[in-house]
Amino acid sequence: MTGSDSESLLPLPVAVFHILVALADRDRHGYSIMQDIGTRTGGKVQLSAGTLYSSIRRMLEQGLIEELAESPDATSSDQRRRYYRLSRFGRRTARAEAERMNSLLSQARATGLVPLK
């Protein structure tokens, strides 16, 4: 996919954006992604396993993320865990979505919906 393809995916589903953010700083397995999202949102967003893994499957097909052949954690002995990494295309798409959201926030502030800080 090319950079222009990022725009065709916007706006991203909320679950997809949260997964991309969780993978932005390091590779993770599914349960770690779920925990990270819960922590980052103060528990306000809790993805079910079904939502997480159906989103991951779609994101793999779209090229937003990649599945790693090996665990990035040398101390991990659980062969069942699948680890995921943000692809370059996924990073570009997440950035485009964050910019889109930032623009919406600016509009909301300009209209008084969100107070200026």
PDB file of N, CA and C in Angstrom:
ATOM      1  N   MET A   1       0.829  -1.175   0.000  1.00  0.00           N
ATOM      2  CA  MET A   1       0.000   0.000   0.000  1.00  0.00           C
ATOM      3  C   MET A   1       0.876   1.242   0.000  1.00  0.00           C
ATOM      4  N   THR A   2       0.330   2.306  -0.546  1.00  0.00           N
ATOM      5  CA  THR A   2       1.078   3.553  -0.616  1.00  0.00           C
ATOM      6  C   THR A   2       0.569   4.524   0.428  1.00  0.00           C
ATOM      7  N   GLY A   3       1.284   5.642   0.568  1.00  0.00           N
ATOM      8  CA  GLY A   3       0.893   6.647   1.539  1.00  0.00           C
ATOM      9  C   GLY A   3      -0.507   7.168   1.319  1.00  0.00           C
ATOM     10  N   SER A   4      -0.934   7.282   0.055  1.00  0.00           N
ATOM     11  CA  SER A   4      -2.276   7.781  -0.221  1.00  0.00           C
ATOM     12  C   SER A   4      -3.337   6.790   0.225  1.00  0.00           C
ATOM     13  N   ASP A   5      -2.986   5.513   0.319  1.00  0.00           N
ATOM     14  CA  ASP A   5      -3.943   4.516   0.784  1.00  0.00           C
ATOM     15  C   ASP A   5      -4.312   4.734   2.244  1.00  0.00           C
ATOM     16  N   SER A   6      -3.444   5.383   3.001  1.00  0.00           N
ATOM     17  CA  SER A   6      -3.755   5.677   4.402  1.00  0.00           C
ATOM     18  C   SER A   6      -5.046   6.472   4.494  1.00  0.00           C
ATOM     19  N   GLU A   7      -5.176   7.471   3.642  1.00  0.00           N
ATOM     20  CA  GLU A   7      -6.353   8.337   3.664  1.00  0.00           C
ATOM     21  C   GLU A   7      -7.628   7.562   3.381  1.00  0.00           C
ATOM     22  N   SER A   8      -7.547   6.532   2.549  1.00  0.00           N
ATOM     23  CA  SER A   8      -8.750   5.770   2.202  1.00  0.00           C
ATOM     24  C   SER A   8      -9.272   4.953   3.384  1.00  0.00           C
ATOM     25  N   LEU A   9      -8.443   4.723   4.392  1.00  0.00           N
ATOM     26  CA  LEU A   9      -8.858   3.957   5.570  1.00  0.00           C
ATOM     27  C   LEU A   9      -9.478   4.833   6.661  1.00  0.00           C
ATOM     28  N   LEU A  10      -9.355   6.150   6.491  1.00  0.00           N
ATOM     29  CA  LEU A  10      -9.838   7.074   7.519  1.00  0.00           C
ATOM     30  C   LEU A  10     -11.315   7.386   7.342  1.00  0.00           C
ATOM     31  N   PRO A  11     -12.040   7.610   8.404  1.00  0.00           N
ATOM     32  CA  PRO A  11     -11.609   7.485   9.793  1.00  0.00           C
ATOM     33  C   PRO A  11     -11.487   6.024  10.202  1.00  0.00           C
ATOM     34  N   LEU A  12     -10.515   5.769  11.050  1.00  0.00           N
ATOM     35  CA  LEU A  12     -10.292   4.408  11.532  1.00  0.00           C
ATOM     36  C   LEU A  12     -11.332   4.032  12.584  1.00  0.00           C
ATOM     37  N   PRO A  13     -11.695   2.762  12.643  1.00  0.00           N
ATOM     38  CA  PRO A  13     -12.513   2.314  13.777  1.00  0.00           C
ATOM     39  C   PRO A  13     -11.751   2.569  15.082  1.00  0.00           C
ATOM     40  N   VAL A  14     -12.467   2.891  16.127  1.00  0.00           N
ATOM     41  CA  VAL A  14     -11.847   3.227  17.413  1.00  0.00           C
ATOM     42  C   VAL A  14     -10.915   2.114  17.887  1.00  0.00           C
ATOM     43  N   ALA A  15     -11.348   0.867  17.792  1.00  0.00           N
ATOM     44  CA  ALA A  15     -10.516  -0.254  18.254  1.00  0.00           C
ATOM     45  C   ALA A  15      -9.207  -0.311  17.475  1.00  0.00           C
ATOM     46  N   VAL A  16      -9.266  -0.092  16.176  1.00  0.00           N
ATOM     47  CA  VAL A  16      -8.060  -0.140  15.335  1.00  0.00           C
ATOM     48  C   VAL A  16      -7.081   0.948  15.754  1.00  0.00           C
ATOM     49  N   PHE A  17      -7.575   2.156  15.978  1.00  0.00           N
ATOM     50  CA  PHE A  17      -6.681   3.240  16.384  1.00  0.00           C
ATOM     51  C   PHE A  17      -6.023   2.926  17.727  1.00  0.00           C
ATOM     52  N   HIS A  18      -6.783   2.416  18.673  1.00  0.00           N
ATOM     53  CA  HIS A  18      -6.204   2.065  19.973  1.00  0.00           C
ATOM     54  C   HIS A  18      -5.133   0.982  19.828  1.00  0.00           C
ATOM     55  N   ILE A  19      -5.351   0.021  18.970  1.00  0.00           N
ATOM     56  CA  ILE A  19      -4.356  -1.039  18.752  1.00  0.00           C
ATOM     57  C   ILE A  19      -3.092  -0.452  18.138  1.00  0.00           C
ATOM     58  N   LEU A  20      -3.240   0.445  17.166  1.00  0.00           N
ATOM     59  CA  LEU A  20      -2.070   1.083  16.551  1.00  0.00           C
ATOM     60  C   LEU A  20      -1.280   1.879  17.585  1.00  0.00           C
ATOM     61  N   VAL A  21      -1.978   2.597  18.448  1.00  0.00           N
ATOM     62  CA  VAL A  21      -1.298   3.367  19.501  1.00  0.00           C
ATOM     63  C   VAL A  21      -0.555   2.421  20.450  1.00  0.00           C
ATOM     64  N   ALA A  22      -1.184   1.314  20.804  1.00  0.00           N
ATOM     65  CA  ALA A  22      -0.543   0.348  21.709  1.00  0.00           C
ATOM     66  C   ALA A  22       0.728  -0.231  21.104  1.00  0.00           C
ATOM     67  N   LEU A  23       0.755  -0.377  19.782  1.00  0.00           N
ATOM     68  CA  LEU A  23       1.928  -0.950  19.113  1.00  0.00           C
ATOM     69  C   LEU A  23       2.952   0.105  18.699  1.00  0.00           C
ATOM     70  N   ALA A  24       2.641   1.377  18.905  1.00  0.00           N
ATOM     71  CA  ALA A  24       3.533   2.445  18.444  1.00  0.00           C
ATOM     72  C   ALA A  24       4.859   2.471  19.184  1.00  0.00           C
ATOM     73  N   ASP A  25       4.869   2.037  20.452  1.00  0.00           N
ATOM     74  CA  ASP A  25       6.123   2.124  21.206  1.00  0.00           C
ATOM     75  C   ASP A  25       6.861   0.803  21.350  1.00  0.00           C
ATOM     76  N   ARG A  26       6.162  -0.328  21.104  1.00  0.00           N
ATOM     77  CA  ARG A  26       6.876  -1.615  21.137  1.00  0.00           C
ATOM     78  C   ARG A  26       5.989  -2.733  20.608  1.00  0.00           C
ATOM     79  N   ASP A  27       6.629  -3.833  20.248  1.00  0.00           N
ATOM     80  CA  ASP A  27       5.914  -5.026  19.788  1.00  0.00           C
ATOM     81  C   ASP A  27       5.190  -5.639  20.986  1.00  0.00           C
ATOM     82  N   ARG A  28       4.010  -6.208  20.718  1.00  0.00           N
ATOM     83  CA  ARG A  28       3.217  -6.765  21.811  1.00  0.00           C
ATOM     84  C   ARG A  28       2.442  -7.988  21.336  1.00  0.00           C
ATOM     85  N   HIS A  29       2.057  -8.826  22.288  1.00  0.00           N
ATOM     86  CA  HIS A  29       1.125  -9.920  22.004  1.00  0.00           C
ATOM     87  C   HIS A  29      -0.277  -9.421  22.344  1.00  0.00           C
ATOM     88  N   GLY A  30      -1.289 -10.181  21.950  1.00  0.00           N
ATOM     89  CA  GLY A  30      -2.669  -9.743  22.091  1.00  0.00           C
ATOM     90  C   GLY A  30      -3.066  -9.302  23.483  1.00  0.00           C
ATOM     91  N   TYR A  31      -2.764 -10.115  24.483  1.00  0.00           N
ATOM     92  CA  TYR A  31      -3.156  -9.766  25.848  1.00  0.00           C
ATOM     93  C   TYR A  31      -2.468  -8.484  26.305  1.00  0.00           C
ATOM     94  N   SER A  32      -1.213  -8.302  25.906  1.00  0.00           N
ATOM     95  CA  SER A  32      -0.483  -7.086  26.255  1.00  0.00           C
ATOM     96  C   SER A  32      -1.117  -5.864  25.588  1.00  0.00           C
ATOM     97  N   ILE A  33      -1.611  -6.033  24.364  1.00  0.00           N
ATOM     98  CA  ILE A  33      -2.308  -4.939  23.681  1.00  0.00           C
ATOM     99  C   ILE A  33      -3.553  -4.554  24.477  1.00  0.00           C
ATOM    100  N   MET A  34      -4.330  -5.551  24.895  1.00  0.00           N
ATOM    101  CA  MET A  34      -5.542  -5.291  25.676  1.00  0.00           C
ATOM    102  C   MET A  34      -5.216  -4.558  26.978  1.00  0.00           C
ATOM    103  N   GLN A  35      -4.172  -4.993  27.670  1.00  0.00           N
ATOM    104  CA  GLN A  35      -3.768  -4.358  28.927  1.00  0.00           C
ATOM    105  C   GLN A  35      -3.324  -2.919  28.697  1.00  0.00           C
ATOM    106  N   ASP A  36      -2.539  -2.693  27.640  1.00  0.00           N
ATOM    107  CA  ASP A  36      -2.029  -1.361  27.350  1.00  0.00           C
ATOM    108  C   ASP A  36      -3.178  -0.395  27.059  1.00  0.00           C
ATOM    109  N   ILE A  37      -4.141  -0.834  26.278  1.00  0.00           N
ATOM    110  CA  ILE A  37      -5.288   0.024  25.959  1.00  0.00           C
ATOM    111  C   ILE A  37      -6.047   0.377  27.233  1.00  0.00           C
ATOM    112  N   GLY A  38      -6.265  -0.599  28.085  1.00  0.00           N
ATOM    113  CA  GLY A  38      -6.944  -0.332  29.349  1.00  0.00           C
ATOM    114  C   GLY A  38      -6.192   0.663  30.208  1.00  0.00           C
ATOM    115  N   THR A  39      -4.871   0.516  30.262  1.00  0.00           N
ATOM    116  CA  THR A  39      -4.038   1.416  31.061  1.00  0.00           C
ATOM    117  C   THR A  39      -4.035   2.821  30.481  1.00  0.00           C
ATOM    118  N   ARG A  40      -3.819   2.939  29.175  1.00  0.00           N
ATOM    119  CA  ARG A  40      -3.749   4.260  28.533  1.00  0.00           C
ATOM    120  C   ARG A  40      -5.055   5.035  28.648  1.00  0.00           C
ATOM    121  N   THR A  41      -6.165   4.327  28.691  1.00  0.00           N
ATOM    122  CA  THR A  41      -7.472   4.995  28.736  1.00  0.00           C
ATOM    123  C   THR A  41      -8.047   5.059  30.147  1.00  0.00           C
ATOM    124  N   GLY A  42      -7.254   4.676  31.128  1.00  0.00           N
ATOM    125  CA  GLY A  42      -7.747   4.686  32.499  1.00  0.00           C
ATOM    126  C   GLY A  42      -8.934   3.755  32.693  1.00  0.00           C
ATOM    127  N   GLY A  43      -8.951   2.677  31.911  1.00  0.00           N
ATOM    128  CA  GLY A  43     -10.021   1.693  32.020  1.00  0.00           C
ATOM    129  C   GLY A  43     -11.290   2.042  31.264  1.00  0.00           C
ATOM    130  N   LYS A  44     -11.306   3.182  30.583  1.00  0.00           N
ATOM    131  CA  LYS A  44     -12.511   3.599  29.851  1.00  0.00           C
ATOM    132  C   LYS A  44     -12.739   2.785  28.586  1.00  0.00           C
ATOM    133  N   VAL A  45     -11.663   2.249  28.023  1.00  0.00           N
ATOM    134  CA  VAL A  45     -11.788   1.396  26.835  1.00  0.00           C
ATOM    135  C   VAL A  45     -11.260   0.020  27.197  1.00  0.00           C
ATOM    136  N   GLN A  46     -12.102  -0.965  27.093  1.00  0.00           N
ATOM    137  CA  GLN A  46     -11.740  -2.360  27.346  1.00  0.00           C
ATOM    138  C   GLN A  46     -12.176  -3.165  26.127  1.00  0.00           C
ATOM    139  N   LEU A  47     -11.220  -3.628  25.332  1.00  0.00           N
ATOM    140  CA  LEU A  47     -11.558  -4.426  24.153  1.00  0.00           C
ATOM    141  C   LEU A  47     -11.803  -5.871  24.562  1.00  0.00           C
ATOM    142  N   SER A  48     -12.851  -6.456  24.030  1.00  0.00           N
ATOM    143  CA  SER A  48     -13.074  -7.890  24.240  1.00  0.00           C
ATOM    144  C   SER A  48     -12.080  -8.649  23.367  1.00  0.00           C
ATOM    145  N   ALA A  49     -11.852  -9.900  23.690  1.00  0.00           N
ATOM    146  CA  ALA A  49     -10.944 -10.726  22.883  1.00  0.00           C
ATOM    147  C   ALA A  49     -11.459 -10.827  21.451  1.00  0.00           C
ATOM    148  N   GLY A  50     -12.764 -10.942  21.278  1.00  0.00           N
ATOM    149  CA  GLY A  50     -13.340 -11.038  19.937  1.00  0.00           C
ATOM    150  C   GLY A  50     -13.077  -9.798  19.107  1.00  0.00           C
ATOM    151  N   THR A  51     -13.280  -8.623  19.708  1.00  0.00           N
ATOM    152  CA  THR A  51     -13.021  -7.361  19.007  1.00  0.00           C
ATOM    153  C   THR A  51     -11.542  -7.227  18.691  1.00  0.00           C
ATOM    154  N   LEU A  52     -10.694  -7.543  19.659  1.00  0.00           N
ATOM    155  CA  LEU A  52      -9.252  -7.429  19.459  1.00  0.00           C
ATOM    156  C   LEU A  52      -8.785  -8.304  18.303  1.00  0.00           C
ATOM    157  N   TYR A  53      -9.110  -9.577  18.345  1.00  0.00           N
ATOM    158  CA  TYR A  53      -8.556 -10.495  17.351  1.00  0.00           C
ATOM    159  C   TYR A  53      -9.200 -10.356  15.975  1.00  0.00           C
ATOM    160  N   SER A  54     -10.458  -9.937  15.898  1.00  0.00           N
ATOM    161  CA  SER A  54     -11.038  -9.674  14.577  1.00  0.00           C
ATOM    162  C   SER A  54     -10.418  -8.408  13.990  1.00  0.00           C
ATOM    163  N   SER A  55     -10.126  -7.425  14.837  1.00  0.00           N
ATOM    164  CA  SER A  55      -9.447  -6.211  14.375  1.00  0.00           C
ATOM    165  C   SER A  55      -8.029  -6.530  13.925  1.00  0.00           C
ATOM    166  N   ILE A  56      -7.316  -7.333  14.698  1.00  0.00           N
ATOM    167  CA  ILE A  56      -5.949  -7.718  14.333  1.00  0.00           C
ATOM    168  C   ILE A  56      -5.944  -8.444  12.992  1.00  0.00           C
ATOM    169  N   ARG A  57      -6.870  -9.350  12.792  1.00  0.00           N
ATOM    170  CA  ARG A  57      -6.932 -10.087  11.525  1.00  0.00           C
ATOM    171  C   ARG A  57      -7.118  -9.117  10.346  1.00  0.00           C
ATOM    172  N   ARG A  58      -8.034  -8.178  10.492  1.00  0.00           N
ATOM    173  CA  ARG A  58      -8.287  -7.193   9.442  1.00  0.00           C
ATOM    174  C   ARG A  58      -7.063  -6.294   9.238  1.00  0.00           C
ATOM    175  N   MET A  59      -6.416  -5.902  10.331  1.00  0.00           N
ATOM    176  CA  MET A  59      -5.240  -5.033  10.241  1.00  0.00           C
ATOM    177  C   MET A  59      -4.071  -5.735   9.558  1.00  0.00           C
ATOM    178  N   LEU A  60      -3.925  -7.033   9.789  1.00  0.00           N
ATOM    179  CA  LEU A  60      -2.896  -7.812   9.091  1.00  0.00           C
ATOM    180  C   LEU A  60      -3.182  -7.825   7.594  1.00  0.00           C
ATOM    181  N   GLU A  61      -4.441  -8.027   7.225  1.00  0.00           N
ATOM    182  CA  GLU A  61      -4.829  -8.049   5.808  1.00  0.00           C
ATOM    183  C   GLU A  61      -4.588  -6.700   5.142  1.00  0.00           C
ATOM    184  N   GLN A  62      -4.793  -5.613   5.880  1.00  0.00           N
ATOM    185  CA  GLN A  62      -4.620  -4.264   5.341  1.00  0.00           C
ATOM    186  C   GLN A  62      -3.166  -3.812   5.344  1.00  0.00           C
ATOM    187  N   GLY A  63      -2.298  -4.563   5.996  1.00  0.00           N
ATOM    188  CA  GLY A  63      -0.887  -4.195   6.063  1.00  0.00           C
ATOM    189  C   GLY A  63      -0.567  -3.156   7.123  1.00  0.00           C
ATOM    190  N   LEU A  64      -1.486  -2.931   8.062  1.00  0.00           N
ATOM    191  CA  LEU A  64      -1.243  -1.958   9.125  1.00  0.00           C
ATOM    192  C   LEU A  64      -0.286  -2.495  10.178  1.00  0.00           C
ATOM    193  N   ILE A  65      -0.328  -3.804  10.391  1.00  0.00           N
ATOM    194  CA  ILE A  65       0.550  -4.454  11.360  1.00  0.00           C
ATOM    195  C   ILE A  65       1.133  -5.715  10.737  1.00  0.00           C
ATOM    196  N   GLU A  66       2.171  -6.232  11.373  1.00  0.00           N
ATOM    197  CA  GLU A  66       2.825  -7.462  10.924  1.00  0.00           C
ATOM    198  C   GLU A  66       2.905  -8.420  12.103  1.00  0.00           C
ATOM    199  N   GLU A  67       2.781  -9.709  11.804  1.00  0.00           N
ATOM    200  CA  GLU A  67       2.975 -10.719  12.840  1.00  0.00           C
ATOM    201  C   GLU A  67       4.443 -11.115  12.835  1.00  0.00           C
ATOM    202  N   LEU A  68       5.052 -11.177  14.011  1.00  0.00           N
ATOM    203  CA  LEU A  68       6.463 -11.534  14.117  1.00  0.00           C
ATOM    204  C   LEU A  68       6.628 -13.043  14.108  1.00  0.00           C
ATOM    205  N   ALA A  69       7.707 -13.499  13.496  1.00  0.00           N
ATOM    206  CA  ALA A  69       7.987 -14.935  13.445  1.00  0.00           C
ATOM    207  C   ALA A  69       8.437 -15.456  14.806  1.00  0.00           C
ATOM    208  N   GLU A  70       9.107 -14.592  15.576  1.00  0.00           N
ATOM    209  CA  GLU A  70       9.617 -14.984  16.891  1.00  0.00           C
ATOM    210  C   GLU A  70       9.237 -13.941  17.928  1.00  0.00           C
ATOM    211  N   SER A  71       9.235 -14.348  19.165  1.00  0.00           N
ATOM    212  CA  SER A  71       8.959 -13.428  20.261  1.00  0.00           C
ATOM    213  C   SER A  71      10.094 -12.415  20.373  1.00  0.00           C
ATOM    214  N   PRO A  72       9.777 -11.133  20.534  1.00  0.00           N
ATOM    215  CA  PRO A  72      10.835 -10.141  20.739  1.00  0.00           C
ATOM    216  C   PRO A  72      11.435 -10.233  22.140  1.00  0.00           C
ATOM    217  N   ASP A  73      10.773 -10.984  23.012  1.00  0.00           N
ATOM    218  CA  ASP A  73      11.214 -11.161  24.394  1.00  0.00           C
ATOM    219  C   ASP A  73      11.932 -12.505  24.517  1.00  0.00           C
ATOM    220  N   ALA A  74      13.244 -12.464  24.642  1.00  0.00           N
ATOM    221  CA  ALA A  74      14.046 -13.692  24.702  1.00  0.00           C
ATOM    222  C   ALA A  74      13.708 -14.547  25.921  1.00  0.00           C
ATOM    223  N   THR A  75      13.130 -13.934  26.954  1.00  0.00           N
ATOM    224  CA  THR A  75      12.814 -14.690  28.167  1.00  0.00           C
ATOM    225  C   THR A  75      11.446 -15.369  28.098  1.00  0.00           C
ATOM    226  N   SER A  76      10.657 -15.041  27.077  1.00  0.00           N
ATOM    227  CA  SER A  76       9.321 -15.630  26.955  1.00  0.00           C
ATOM    228  C   SER A  76       9.419 -17.060  26.452  1.00  0.00           C
ATOM    229  N   SER A  77       8.755 -17.960  27.152  1.00  0.00           N
ATOM    230  CA  SER A  77       8.796 -19.364  26.746  1.00  0.00           C
ATOM    231  C   SER A  77       7.436 -19.842  26.233  1.00  0.00           C
ATOM    232  N   ASP A  78       6.464 -18.943  26.160  1.00  0.00           N
ATOM    233  CA  ASP A  78       5.122 -19.316  25.721  1.00  0.00           C
ATOM    234  C   ASP A  78       5.052 -19.271  24.195  1.00  0.00           C
ATOM    235  N   GLN A  79       5.130 -20.427  23.577  1.00  0.00           N
ATOM    236  CA  GLN A  79       5.127 -20.538  22.118  1.00  0.00           C
ATOM    237  C   GLN A  79       3.771 -20.183  21.510  1.00  0.00           C
ATOM    238  N   ARG A  80       2.716 -20.181  22.322  1.00  0.00           N
ATOM    239  CA  ARG A  80       1.373 -19.910  21.804  1.00  0.00           C
ATOM    240  C   ARG A  80       1.145 -18.439  21.511  1.00  0.00           C
ATOM    241  N   ARG A  81       1.892 -17.581  22.146  1.00  0.00           N
ATOM    242  CA  ARG A  81       1.675 -16.147  21.967  1.00  0.00           C
ATOM    243  C   ARG A  81       2.130 -15.698  20.589  1.00  0.00           C
ATOM    244  N   ARG A  82       1.304 -14.875  19.983  1.00  0.00           N
ATOM    245  CA  ARG A  82       1.657 -14.259  18.705  1.00  0.00           C
ATOM    246  C   ARG A  82       1.945 -12.789  18.971  1.00  0.00           C
ATOM    247  N   TYR A  83       3.066 -12.337  18.440  1.00  0.00           N
ATOM    248  CA  TYR A  83       3.473 -10.953  18.642  1.00  0.00           C
ATOM    249  C   TYR A  83       3.242 -10.161  17.370  1.00  0.00           C
ATOM    250  N   TYR A  84       2.904  -8.882  17.572  1.00  0.00           N
ATOM    251  CA  TYR A  84       2.573  -8.009  16.452  1.00  0.00           C
ATOM    252  C   TYR A  84       3.423  -6.751  16.512  1.00  0.00           C
ATOM    253  N   ARG A  85       3.656  -6.201  15.318  1.00  0.00           N
ATOM    254  CA  ARG A  85       4.470  -4.992  15.169  1.00  0.00           C
ATOM    255  C   ARG A  85       3.736  -4.034  14.239  1.00  0.00           C
ATOM    256  N   LEU A  86       3.857  -2.759  14.522  1.00  0.00           N
ATOM    257  CA  LEU A  86       3.318  -1.722  13.661  1.00  0.00           C
ATOM    258  C   LEU A  86       4.153  -1.669  12.383  1.00  0.00           C
ATOM    259  N   SER A  87       3.527  -1.715  11.225  1.00  0.00           N
ATOM    260  CA  SER A  87       4.253  -1.596   9.957  1.00  0.00           C
ATOM    261  C   SER A  87       4.482  -0.112   9.648  1.00  0.00           C
ATOM    262  N   ARG A  88       5.312   0.177   8.673  1.00  0.00           N
ATOM    263  CA  ARG A  88       5.519   1.576   8.274  1.00  0.00           C
ATOM    264  C   ARG A  88       4.207   2.187   7.808  1.00  0.00           C
ATOM    265  N   PHE A  89       3.464   1.409   7.025  1.00  0.00           N
ATOM    266  CA  PHE A  89       2.162   1.864   6.551  1.00  0.00           C
ATOM    267  C   PHE A  89       1.220   2.105   7.738  1.00  0.00           C
ATOM    268  N   GLY A  90       1.268   1.241   8.727  1.00  0.00           N
ATOM    269  CA  GLY A  90       0.443   1.404   9.918  1.00  0.00           C
ATOM    270  C   GLY A  90       0.801   2.661  10.689  1.00  0.00           C
ATOM    271  N   ARG A  91       2.093   2.951  10.781  1.00  0.00           N
ATOM    272  CA  ARG A  91       2.536   4.167  11.480  1.00  0.00           C
ATOM    273  C   ARG A  91       2.053   5.408  10.734  1.00  0.00           C
ATOM    274  N   ARG A  92       2.174   5.400   9.394  1.00  0.00           N
ATOM    275  CA  ARG A  92       1.689   6.538   8.594  1.00  0.00           C
ATOM    276  C   ARG A  92       0.181   6.716   8.765  1.00  0.00           C
ATOM    277  N   THR A  93      -0.532   5.605   8.771  1.00  0.00           N
ATOM    278  CA  THR A  93      -1.985   5.659   8.902  1.00  0.00           C
ATOM    279  C   THR A  93      -2.385   6.161  10.285  1.00  0.00           C
ATOM    280  N   ALA A  94      -1.717   5.689  11.323  1.00  0.00           N
ATOM    281  CA  ALA A  94      -2.006   6.157  12.686  1.00  0.00           C
ATOM    282  C   ALA A  94      -1.724   7.649  12.806  1.00  0.00           C
ATOM    283  N   ARG A  95      -0.637   8.100  12.195  1.00  0.00           N
ATOM    284  CA  ARG A  95      -0.296   9.526  12.228  1.00  0.00           C
ATOM    285  C   ARG A  95      -1.371  10.346  11.513  1.00  0.00           C
ATOM    286  N   ALA A  96      -1.821   9.860  10.355  1.00  0.00           N
ATOM    287  CA  ALA A  96      -2.867  10.565   9.603  1.00  0.00           C
ATOM    288  C   ALA A  96      -4.162  10.638  10.414  1.00  0.00           C
ATOM    289  N   GLU A  97      -4.498   9.558  11.104  1.00  0.00           N
ATOM    290  CA  GLU A  97      -5.706   9.551  11.935  1.00  0.00           C
ATOM    291  C   GLU A  97      -5.560  10.506  13.115  1.00  0.00           C
ATOM    292  N   ALA A  98      -4.391  10.541  13.735  1.00  0.00           N
ATOM    293  CA  ALA A  98      -4.162  11.454  14.856  1.00  0.00           C
ATOM    294  C   ALA A  98      -4.269  12.908  14.385  1.00  0.00           C
ATOM    295  N   GLU A  99      -3.745  13.194  13.194  1.00  0.00           N
ATOM    296  CA  GLU A  99      -3.852  14.549  12.639  1.00  0.00           C
ATOM    297  C   GLU A  99      -5.306  14.899  12.339  1.00  0.00           C
ATOM    298  N   ARG A 100      -6.068  13.930  11.839  1.00  0.00           N
ATOM    299  CA  ARG A 100      -7.490  14.146  11.563  1.00  0.00           C
ATOM    300  C   ARG A 100      -8.225  14.458  12.871  1.00  0.00           C
ATOM    301  N   MET A 101      -7.924  13.683  13.915  1.00  0.00           N
ATOM    302  CA  MET A 101      -8.564  13.912  15.218  1.00  0.00           C
ATOM    303  C   MET A 101      -8.164  15.266  15.803  1.00  0.00           C
ATOM    304  N   ASN A 102      -6.911  15.645  15.618  1.00  0.00           N
ATOM    305  CA  ASN A 102      -6.428  16.928  16.112  1.00  0.00           C
ATOM    306  C   ASN A 102      -7.167  18.074  15.424  1.00  0.00           C
ATOM    307  N   SER A 103      -7.412  17.925  14.130  1.00  0.00           N
ATOM    308  CA  SER A 103      -8.162  18.936  13.386  1.00  0.00           C
ATOM    309  C   SER A 103      -9.589  19.052  13.919  1.00  0.00           C
ATOM    310  N   LEU A 104     -10.212  17.914  14.204  1.00  0.00           N
ATOM    311  CA  LEU A 104     -11.563  17.930  14.771  1.00  0.00           C
ATOM    312  C   LEU A 104     -11.575  18.606  16.140  1.00  0.00           C
ATOM    313  N   LEU A 105     -10.560  18.331  16.941  1.00  0.00           N
ATOM    314  CA  LEU A 105     -10.464  18.954  18.259  1.00  0.00           C
ATOM    315  C   LEU A 105     -10.307  20.465  18.125  1.00  0.00           C
ATOM    316  N   SER A 106      -9.508  20.901  17.161  1.00  0.00           N
ATOM    317  CA  SER A 106      -9.339  22.339  16.923  1.00  0.00           C
ATOM    318  C   SER A 106     -10.667  22.984  16.549  1.00  0.00           C
ATOM    319  N   GLN A 107     -11.441  22.294  15.711  1.00  0.00           N
ATOM    320  CA  GLN A 107     -12.755  22.816  15.321  1.00  0.00           C
ATOM    321  C   GLN A 107     -13.688  22.883  16.528  1.00  0.00           C
ATOM    322  N   ALA A 108     -13.652  21.865  17.373  1.00  0.00           N
ATOM    323  CA  ALA A 108     -14.498  21.852  18.567  1.00  0.00           C
ATOM    324  C   ALA A 108     -14.117  22.979  19.515  1.00  0.00           C
ATOM    325  N   ARG A 109     -12.833  23.246  19.636  1.00  0.00           N
ATOM    326  CA  ARG A 109     -12.382  24.356  20.485  1.00  0.00           C
ATOM    327  C   ARG A 109     -12.828  25.692  19.904  1.00  0.00           C
ATOM    328  N   ALA A 110     -12.706  25.828  18.579  1.00  0.00           N
ATOM    329  CA  ALA A 110     -13.077  27.080  17.920  1.00  0.00           C
ATOM    330  C   ALA A 110     -14.562  27.393  18.082  1.00  0.00           C
ATOM    331  N   THR A 111     -15.385  26.380  18.193  1.00  0.00           N
ATOM    332  CA  THR A 111     -16.826  26.594  18.346  1.00  0.00           C
ATOM    333  C   THR A 111     -17.259  26.636  19.806  1.00  0.00           C
ATOM    334  N   GLY A 112     -16.324  26.469  20.729  1.00  0.00           N
ATOM    335  CA  GLY A 112     -16.640  26.528  22.147  1.00  0.00           C
ATOM    336  C   GLY A 112     -17.107  25.219  22.753  1.00  0.00           C
ATOM    337  N   LEU A 113     -17.109  24.136  21.968  1.00  0.00           N
ATOM    338  CA  LEU A 113     -17.516  22.843  22.520  1.00  0.00           C
ATOM    339  C   LEU A 113     -16.514  22.317  23.533  1.00  0.00           C
ATOM    340  N   VAL A 114     -15.255  22.638  23.303  1.00  0.00           N
ATOM    341  CA  VAL A 114     -14.186  22.225  24.214  1.00  0.00           C
ATOM    342  C   VAL A 114     -13.485  23.500  24.668  1.00  0.00           C
ATOM    343  N   PRO A 115     -13.410  23.735  25.969  1.00  0.00           N
ATOM    344  CA  PRO A 115     -12.774  24.969  26.437  1.00  0.00           C
ATOM    345  C   PRO A 115     -11.285  24.995  26.114  1.00  0.00           C
ATOM    346  N   LEU A 116     -10.807  26.197  25.819  1.00  0.00           N
ATOM    347  CA  LEU A 116      -9.371  26.384  25.606  1.00  0.00           C
ATOM    348  C   LEU A 116      -8.674  26.275  26.947  1.00  0.00           C
ATOM    349  N   LYS A 117      -7.500  25.681  26.941  1.00  0.00           N
ATOM    350  CA  LYS A 117      -6.752  25.523  28.199  1.00  0.00           C
ATOM    351  C   LYS A 117      -5.734  26.612  28.336  1.00  0.00           C
TER     352      LYS A 117
END
